[in-house]
Protein backbone atom coordinates (compact mmCIF):
# COMPACT_ATOMS: atom_id res chain seq x y z
CA MET A 1 13.57 -48.89 -12.81
CA ARG A 2 15.83 -50.01 -9.98
CA THR A 3 15.34 -52.69 -7.33
CA CYS A 4 16.63 -52.32 -3.77
CA GLN A 5 18.73 -55.36 -2.90
CA LYS A 6 17.87 -55.15 0.80
CA CYS A 7 14.04 -54.94 0.76
CA GLY A 8 13.05 -55.57 -2.87
CA ALA A 9 11.37 -52.20 -3.45
CA THR A 10 11.28 -51.26 -7.14
CA LEU A 11 11.75 -47.54 -7.70
CA CYS A 12 12.40 -44.92 -10.37
CA CYS A 13 15.99 -44.35 -11.43
CA ASP A 14 18.01 -41.16 -11.03
CA SER A 15 17.29 -40.04 -14.58
CA SER A 16 13.63 -39.59 -13.58
CA PRO A 17 12.58 -36.26 -12.01
CA ASN A 18 11.88 -37.64 -8.51
CA ARG A 19 14.93 -39.91 -8.22
CA HIS A 20 13.08 -42.36 -5.96
CA ALA A 21 15.85 -45.00 -5.86
CA SER A 22 18.51 -42.65 -4.47
CA LYS A 23 16.00 -41.09 -2.05
CA HIS A 24 15.14 -44.59 -0.80
CA ALA A 25 18.82 -45.45 -0.35
CA ARG A 26 19.45 -42.32 1.74
CA ALA A 27 16.28 -42.59 3.84
CA SER A 28 16.40 -46.34 4.51
CA GLY A 29 20.12 -47.04 4.67
CA HIS A 30 19.71 -49.65 1.90
CA PRO A 31 22.73 -48.80 -0.24
CA VAL A 32 22.67 -51.30 -3.13
CA ILE A 33 20.33 -51.31 -6.13
CA ALA A 34 20.08 -53.45 -9.25
CA SER A 35 18.71 -52.46 -12.62
CA ALA A 36 15.22 -53.80 -13.27
CA GLN A 37 15.47 -53.02 -16.99
CA PRO A 38 15.29 -56.00 -19.39
CA GLY A 39 18.74 -56.97 -20.62
CA GLU A 40 20.60 -54.98 -17.95
CA ARG A 41 22.54 -56.94 -15.30
CA TRP A 42 24.31 -54.58 -12.91
CA LEU A 43 24.44 -53.46 -9.29
CA TYR A 44 25.26 -50.05 -7.87
CA CYS A 45 26.30 -49.07 -4.33
CA TYR A 46 25.45 -45.45 -3.49
CA PRO A 47 27.90 -44.84 -0.58
CA ASP A 48 30.86 -46.32 -2.46
CA ASP A 49 29.81 -44.97 -5.88
CA ALA A 50 30.64 -48.48 -7.13
CA PHE A 51 29.14 -50.22 -10.16
CA CYS A 52 29.50 -53.86 -11.21
CA GLU A 53 28.01 -56.02 -13.91
CA TYR A 54 27.00 -59.63 -13.30
């Protein structure tokens, strides 16, 4: 699961068949997601293909 950092929507990740998080990023213009998985602390920016841990 991934959480949009602009609107807070929680969506399926790109390893799922429907890839809801990346579809949301393209359709909404909300480029940054965070992992919603327990124990994972990272952000990803779709347009920049940039990943960072926090």
